[in-house]
Structure formats: structure tokens, C-alpha cells
N, C-alpha and C. Protein backbone atom coordinates (compact mmCIF):
# COMPACT_ATOMS: atom_id res chain seq x y z
N MET A 1 -4.34 -1.17 28.95
CA MET A 1 -5.73 -0.71 28.81
C MET A 1 -5.94 -0.11 27.42
N ALA A 2 -7.10 -0.35 26.87
CA ALA A 2 -7.42 0.17 25.54
C ALA A 2 -7.46 1.71 25.56
N VAL A 3 -7.01 2.30 24.48
CA VAL A 3 -7.00 3.75 24.33
C VAL A 3 -8.42 4.22 24.02
N GLU A 4 -8.85 5.29 24.68
CA GLU A 4 -10.17 5.86 24.37
C GLU A 4 -10.02 6.76 23.14
N LEU A 5 -10.70 6.37 22.08
CA LEU A 5 -10.61 7.12 20.83
C LEU A 5 -11.81 8.05 20.69
N THR A 6 -11.56 9.20 20.05
CA THR A 6 -12.63 10.19 19.84
C THR A 6 -12.49 10.77 18.43
N ASP A 7 -13.50 11.52 18.02
CA ASP A 7 -13.40 12.21 16.74
C ASP A 7 -12.14 13.09 16.72
N ALA A 8 -11.79 13.64 17.88
CA ALA A 8 -10.68 14.58 17.96
C ALA A 8 -9.30 13.92 17.87
N ASN A 9 -9.13 12.73 18.46
CA ASN A 9 -7.79 12.13 18.48
C ASN A 9 -7.62 10.97 17.50
N PHE A 10 -8.64 10.66 16.71
CA PHE A 10 -8.62 9.49 15.84
C PHE A 10 -7.51 9.57 14.79
N GLU A 11 -7.41 10.71 14.13
CA GLU A 11 -6.41 10.86 13.06
C GLU A 11 -5.01 10.60 13.60
N GLU A 12 -4.67 11.26 14.70
CA GLU A 12 -3.32 11.14 15.26
C GLU A 12 -3.07 9.73 15.81
N THR A 13 -4.03 9.18 16.56
CA THR A 13 -3.83 7.91 17.25
C THR A 13 -3.93 6.71 16.32
N VAL A 14 -4.83 6.76 15.35
CA VAL A 14 -5.08 5.60 14.48
C VAL A 14 -4.44 5.77 13.11
N LEU A 15 -4.81 6.83 12.41
CA LEU A 15 -4.38 6.98 11.01
C LEU A 15 -2.90 7.28 10.87
N GLN A 16 -2.29 7.90 11.88
CA GLN A 16 -0.87 8.22 11.80
C GLN A 16 0.01 7.25 12.59
N SER A 17 -0.59 6.19 13.11
CA SER A 17 0.17 5.22 13.91
C SER A 17 1.14 4.43 13.03
N ASP A 18 2.34 4.16 13.59
CA ASP A 18 3.30 3.34 12.87
C ASP A 18 3.13 1.86 13.21
N LYS A 19 2.14 1.57 14.07
CA LYS A 19 1.82 0.19 14.44
C LYS A 19 0.42 -0.15 13.94
N PRO A 20 0.10 -1.44 13.81
CA PRO A 20 -1.28 -1.81 13.49
C PRO A 20 -2.21 -1.33 14.61
N VAL A 21 -3.45 -1.00 14.26
CA VAL A 21 -4.42 -0.51 15.24
C VAL A 21 -5.72 -1.29 15.11
N LEU A 22 -6.22 -1.78 16.25
CA LEU A 22 -7.54 -2.43 16.32
C LEU A 22 -8.48 -1.44 16.98
N VAL A 23 -9.56 -1.08 16.28
CA VAL A 23 -10.53 -0.13 16.83
C VAL A 23 -11.86 -0.85 17.04
N ASP A 24 -12.33 -0.79 18.29
CA ASP A 24 -13.61 -1.38 18.67
C ASP A 24 -14.65 -0.25 18.67
N PHE A 25 -15.57 -0.27 17.68
CA PHE A 25 -16.68 0.68 17.66
C PHE A 25 -17.79 0.09 18.52
N TRP A 26 -18.19 0.78 19.59
CA TRP A 26 -19.11 0.20 20.55
C TRP A 26 -20.04 1.27 21.13
N ALA A 27 -21.00 0.82 21.96
CA ALA A 27 -21.87 1.73 22.70
C ALA A 27 -22.24 1.07 24.03
N GLU A 28 -22.49 1.90 25.02
CA GLU A 28 -22.82 1.43 26.38
C GLU A 28 -24.04 0.50 26.40
N TRP A 29 -25.03 0.81 25.57
CA TRP A 29 -26.30 0.07 25.59
C TRP A 29 -26.28 -1.22 24.78
N CYS A 30 -25.16 -1.52 24.13
CA CYS A 30 -25.07 -2.66 23.21
C CYS A 30 -24.59 -3.91 23.95
N GLY A 31 -25.46 -4.92 24.04
CA GLY A 31 -25.13 -6.17 24.73
C GLY A 31 -23.91 -6.89 24.17
N PRO A 32 -23.89 -7.17 22.84
CA PRO A 32 -22.71 -7.83 22.27
C PRO A 32 -21.42 -7.03 22.45
N CYS A 33 -21.54 -5.70 22.50
CA CYS A 33 -20.35 -4.85 22.73
C CYS A 33 -19.77 -5.14 24.11
N ARG A 34 -20.65 -5.36 25.08
CA ARG A 34 -20.19 -5.64 26.44
C ARG A 34 -19.50 -7.01 26.51
N MET A 35 -19.88 -7.93 25.62
CA MET A 35 -19.21 -9.23 25.56
C MET A 35 -17.80 -9.09 24.97
N VAL A 36 -17.66 -8.23 23.98
CA VAL A 36 -16.36 -8.05 23.29
C VAL A 36 -15.42 -7.17 24.12
N GLY A 37 -15.97 -6.27 24.92
CA GLY A 37 -15.15 -5.32 25.69
C GLY A 37 -14.01 -5.94 26.47
N PRO A 38 -14.27 -6.97 27.30
CA PRO A 38 -13.17 -7.57 28.07
C PRO A 38 -12.10 -8.21 27.17
N ILE A 39 -12.50 -8.75 26.02
CA ILE A 39 -11.54 -9.33 25.08
C ILE A 39 -10.62 -8.24 24.54
N VAL A 40 -11.22 -7.09 24.19
CA VAL A 40 -10.45 -5.96 23.67
C VAL A 40 -9.45 -5.48 24.73
N GLU A 41 -9.88 -5.44 25.98
CA GLU A 41 -8.98 -5.01 27.07
C GLU A 41 -7.82 -6.01 27.23
N GLU A 42 -8.11 -7.31 27.15
CA GLU A 42 -7.06 -8.33 27.22
C GLU A 42 -6.04 -8.13 26.11
N LEU A 43 -6.54 -7.93 24.89
CA LEU A 43 -5.65 -7.73 23.74
C LEU A 43 -4.78 -6.50 23.95
N ALA A 44 -5.36 -5.45 24.53
CA ALA A 44 -4.61 -4.22 24.77
C ALA A 44 -3.39 -4.51 25.64
N GLY A 45 -3.56 -5.34 26.65
CA GLY A 45 -2.45 -5.70 27.52
C GLY A 45 -1.43 -6.58 26.81
N GLU A 46 -1.93 -7.57 26.07
CA GLU A 46 -1.05 -8.54 25.43
C GLU A 46 -0.26 -7.95 24.26
N TYR A 47 -0.82 -6.96 23.58
CA TYR A 47 -0.16 -6.38 22.40
C TYR A 47 0.48 -5.03 22.67
N GLU A 48 0.61 -4.68 23.96
CA GLU A 48 1.21 -3.39 24.32
C GLU A 48 2.61 -3.28 23.72
N GLY A 49 2.85 -2.18 23.04
CA GLY A 49 4.15 -1.97 22.40
C GLY A 49 4.23 -2.52 20.98
N LYS A 50 3.31 -3.45 20.63
CA LYS A 50 3.33 -4.06 19.29
C LYS A 50 2.20 -3.52 18.41
N ALA A 51 1.09 -3.17 19.06
CA ALA A 51 -0.09 -2.67 18.33
C ALA A 51 -0.84 -1.71 19.24
N VAL A 52 -1.70 -0.89 18.63
CA VAL A 52 -2.54 0.03 19.39
C VAL A 52 -3.94 -0.57 19.41
N ILE A 53 -4.53 -0.67 20.60
CA ILE A 53 -5.88 -1.19 20.74
C ILE A 53 -6.73 -0.06 21.31
N GLY A 54 -7.80 0.29 20.60
CA GLY A 54 -8.63 1.41 21.04
C GLY A 54 -10.11 1.13 20.96
N LYS A 55 -10.87 1.92 21.72
CA LYS A 55 -12.33 1.81 21.71
C LYS A 55 -12.91 3.17 21.36
N LEU A 56 -13.92 3.17 20.49
CA LEU A 56 -14.56 4.40 20.08
C LEU A 56 -16.06 4.28 20.34
N ASP A 57 -16.58 5.13 21.23
CA ASP A 57 -18.01 5.15 21.56
C ASP A 57 -18.76 5.81 20.40
N VAL A 58 -19.60 5.04 19.70
CA VAL A 58 -20.26 5.56 18.50
C VAL A 58 -21.25 6.68 18.82
N ASP A 59 -21.84 6.66 20.02
CA ASP A 59 -22.80 7.70 20.38
C ASP A 59 -22.12 9.05 20.59
N SER A 60 -20.91 9.02 21.11
CA SER A 60 -20.18 10.27 21.40
C SER A 60 -19.35 10.76 20.22
N ASN A 61 -19.12 9.89 19.23
CA ASN A 61 -18.22 10.22 18.13
C ASN A 61 -18.83 9.89 16.76
N PRO A 62 -19.89 10.61 16.39
CA PRO A 62 -20.60 10.29 15.15
C PRO A 62 -19.78 10.55 13.88
N GLU A 63 -18.84 11.48 13.93
CA GLU A 63 -18.08 11.85 12.72
C GLU A 63 -17.26 10.66 12.21
N ILE A 64 -16.47 10.06 13.08
CA ILE A 64 -15.63 8.91 12.69
C ILE A 64 -16.50 7.70 12.38
N THR A 65 -17.54 7.51 13.16
CA THR A 65 -18.46 6.39 12.94
C THR A 65 -19.03 6.45 11.53
N MET A 66 -19.47 7.62 11.10
CA MET A 66 -20.04 7.78 9.75
C MET A 66 -18.95 7.66 8.68
N LYS A 67 -17.78 8.24 8.95
CA LYS A 67 -16.69 8.22 7.98
C LYS A 67 -16.33 6.79 7.55
N PHE A 68 -16.39 5.86 8.50
CA PHE A 68 -16.02 4.48 8.20
C PHE A 68 -17.24 3.59 7.97
N GLY A 69 -18.42 4.20 7.85
CA GLY A 69 -19.62 3.46 7.49
C GLY A 69 -20.05 2.42 8.50
N VAL A 70 -19.79 2.68 9.77
CA VAL A 70 -20.17 1.73 10.81
C VAL A 70 -21.67 1.85 11.08
N ARG A 71 -22.41 0.79 10.75
CA ARG A 71 -23.86 0.79 10.95
C ARG A 71 -24.29 -0.20 12.01
N ASN A 72 -23.50 -1.25 12.21
CA ASN A 72 -23.79 -2.26 13.22
C ASN A 72 -22.65 -2.28 14.22
N ILE A 73 -23.01 -2.52 15.49
CA ILE A 73 -21.96 -2.61 16.50
C ILE A 73 -22.16 -3.89 17.29
N PRO A 74 -21.11 -4.48 17.82
CA PRO A 74 -19.74 -4.00 17.68
C PRO A 74 -19.19 -4.23 16.27
N THR A 75 -18.43 -3.26 15.81
CA THR A 75 -17.62 -3.42 14.59
C THR A 75 -16.18 -3.19 15.01
N LEU A 76 -15.32 -4.10 14.61
CA LEU A 76 -13.90 -3.95 14.92
C LEU A 76 -13.15 -3.81 13.61
N LEU A 77 -12.42 -2.70 13.46
CA LEU A 77 -11.64 -2.45 12.26
C LEU A 77 -10.16 -2.53 12.59
N VAL A 78 -9.40 -3.16 11.71
CA VAL A 78 -7.95 -3.21 11.86
C VAL A 78 -7.35 -2.26 10.83
N PHE A 79 -6.53 -1.32 11.31
CA PHE A 79 -5.88 -0.34 10.45
C PHE A 79 -4.39 -0.63 10.38
N LYS A 80 -3.81 -0.39 9.21
CA LYS A 80 -2.36 -0.43 9.06
C LYS A 80 -1.99 0.68 8.08
N ASN A 81 -1.04 1.50 8.47
CA ASN A 81 -0.62 2.64 7.65
C ASN A 81 -1.81 3.54 7.27
N GLY A 82 -2.74 3.72 8.20
CA GLY A 82 -3.87 4.61 7.98
C GLY A 82 -5.01 4.04 7.15
N GLU A 83 -4.90 2.77 6.74
CA GLU A 83 -5.93 2.14 5.90
C GLU A 83 -6.59 0.99 6.65
N VAL A 84 -7.89 0.78 6.38
CA VAL A 84 -8.58 -0.38 6.95
C VAL A 84 -8.11 -1.62 6.19
N VAL A 85 -7.55 -2.58 6.91
CA VAL A 85 -7.05 -3.80 6.27
C VAL A 85 -7.84 -5.04 6.65
N ASP A 86 -8.67 -4.92 7.70
CA ASP A 86 -9.51 -6.06 8.10
C ASP A 86 -10.68 -5.55 8.91
N LYS A 87 -11.72 -6.40 9.01
CA LYS A 87 -12.96 -5.95 9.64
C LYS A 87 -13.67 -7.14 10.27
N GLN A 88 -14.28 -6.91 11.43
CA GLN A 88 -15.12 -7.92 12.07
C GLN A 88 -16.39 -7.21 12.53
N VAL A 89 -17.53 -7.65 12.02
CA VAL A 89 -18.81 -7.08 12.45
C VAL A 89 -19.48 -8.10 13.34
N GLY A 90 -19.87 -7.67 14.54
CA GLY A 90 -20.50 -8.57 15.49
C GLY A 90 -19.48 -9.15 16.45
N ALA A 91 -19.99 -9.73 17.53
CA ALA A 91 -19.10 -10.32 18.54
C ALA A 91 -18.34 -11.49 17.93
N ALA A 92 -17.10 -11.64 18.35
CA ALA A 92 -16.25 -12.73 17.86
C ALA A 92 -15.37 -13.20 19.01
N PRO A 93 -14.95 -14.47 18.98
CA PRO A 93 -14.06 -14.95 20.02
C PRO A 93 -12.67 -14.30 19.92
N LYS A 94 -11.96 -14.33 21.02
CA LYS A 94 -10.64 -13.70 21.09
C LYS A 94 -9.71 -14.22 20.00
N SER A 95 -9.78 -15.52 19.71
CA SER A 95 -8.87 -16.12 18.71
C SER A 95 -9.04 -15.47 17.34
N VAL A 96 -10.27 -15.11 16.98
CA VAL A 96 -10.53 -14.47 15.68
C VAL A 96 -9.88 -13.09 15.64
N LEU A 97 -10.07 -12.32 16.70
CA LEU A 97 -9.49 -10.97 16.75
C LEU A 97 -7.97 -11.02 16.79
N GLU A 98 -7.43 -11.98 17.55
CA GLU A 98 -5.97 -12.15 17.61
C GLU A 98 -5.41 -12.46 16.23
N GLY A 99 -6.09 -13.31 15.49
CA GLY A 99 -5.66 -13.68 14.15
C GLY A 99 -5.59 -12.49 13.23
N LYS A 100 -6.61 -11.64 13.29
CA LYS A 100 -6.67 -10.45 12.44
C LYS A 100 -5.53 -9.48 12.79
N LEU A 101 -5.25 -9.35 14.08
CA LEU A 101 -4.22 -8.44 14.54
C LEU A 101 -2.82 -8.99 14.23
N THR A 102 -2.59 -10.25 14.53
CA THR A 102 -1.30 -10.89 14.31
C THR A 102 -0.92 -10.85 12.82
N ALA A 103 -1.90 -10.97 11.95
CA ALA A 103 -1.64 -10.95 10.50
C ALA A 103 -1.02 -9.62 10.05
N GLN A 104 -1.20 -8.57 10.85
CA GLN A 104 -0.69 -7.24 10.47
C GLN A 104 0.61 -6.87 11.15
N LEU A 105 1.10 -7.72 12.03
CA LEU A 105 2.34 -7.40 12.76
C LEU A 105 3.57 -7.65 11.90
């Protein structure tokens, strides 16, 4: 299952992770976010132990959302060693997200 990310745990869970991290910036009211959600959950299961997969609710966590300049959702950011190394804005098929994640393993 995807890790629930917040303004409070983002630094420790994402920026200090020794594994690549995929962060799904989403909101309950966002239709395309609901399309991407199940894909993110699948990836969380498939990459367990190899990567961290997390979801950050933009409405509840404005600090991190603003810090990374997220204006459109869903936005998926891939982090490695605390840095953003890849980005997907808008809904995308699982194969695209897998490619971005696999490239960082």
C-alpha cells in the first residue's frame, strides 16, 4: 500500500530515503487523480522493498505542494537522493510510471 505523505513526514520519508521515491500529488475531488490512484497502489505492491511509493493530499499539505511548485494534479514526482529526477503531470498509463521508476533503480 502507498505511504500516506504529509508536510510533517515528507522530509524523513522522501528526502532522506535511500531508495527512489514516487510521490503522487492528488486530491479527493480530482477525477484524473482517481484514475491514477489504483495504478499508484499497484506500483506500491510491485516495488515494495525496492522503492517508496507515496501519496500526498494537496489540500491537506499545502507546504510541500507549494515547495515543489505543484499547480496541476495529478502530478507525480520521482525523487532520488532527495532530488526530483523525473516528473509526470496529468494521468498516465502504468507503463509510463513504471518506466520512470525503473530508470532510478
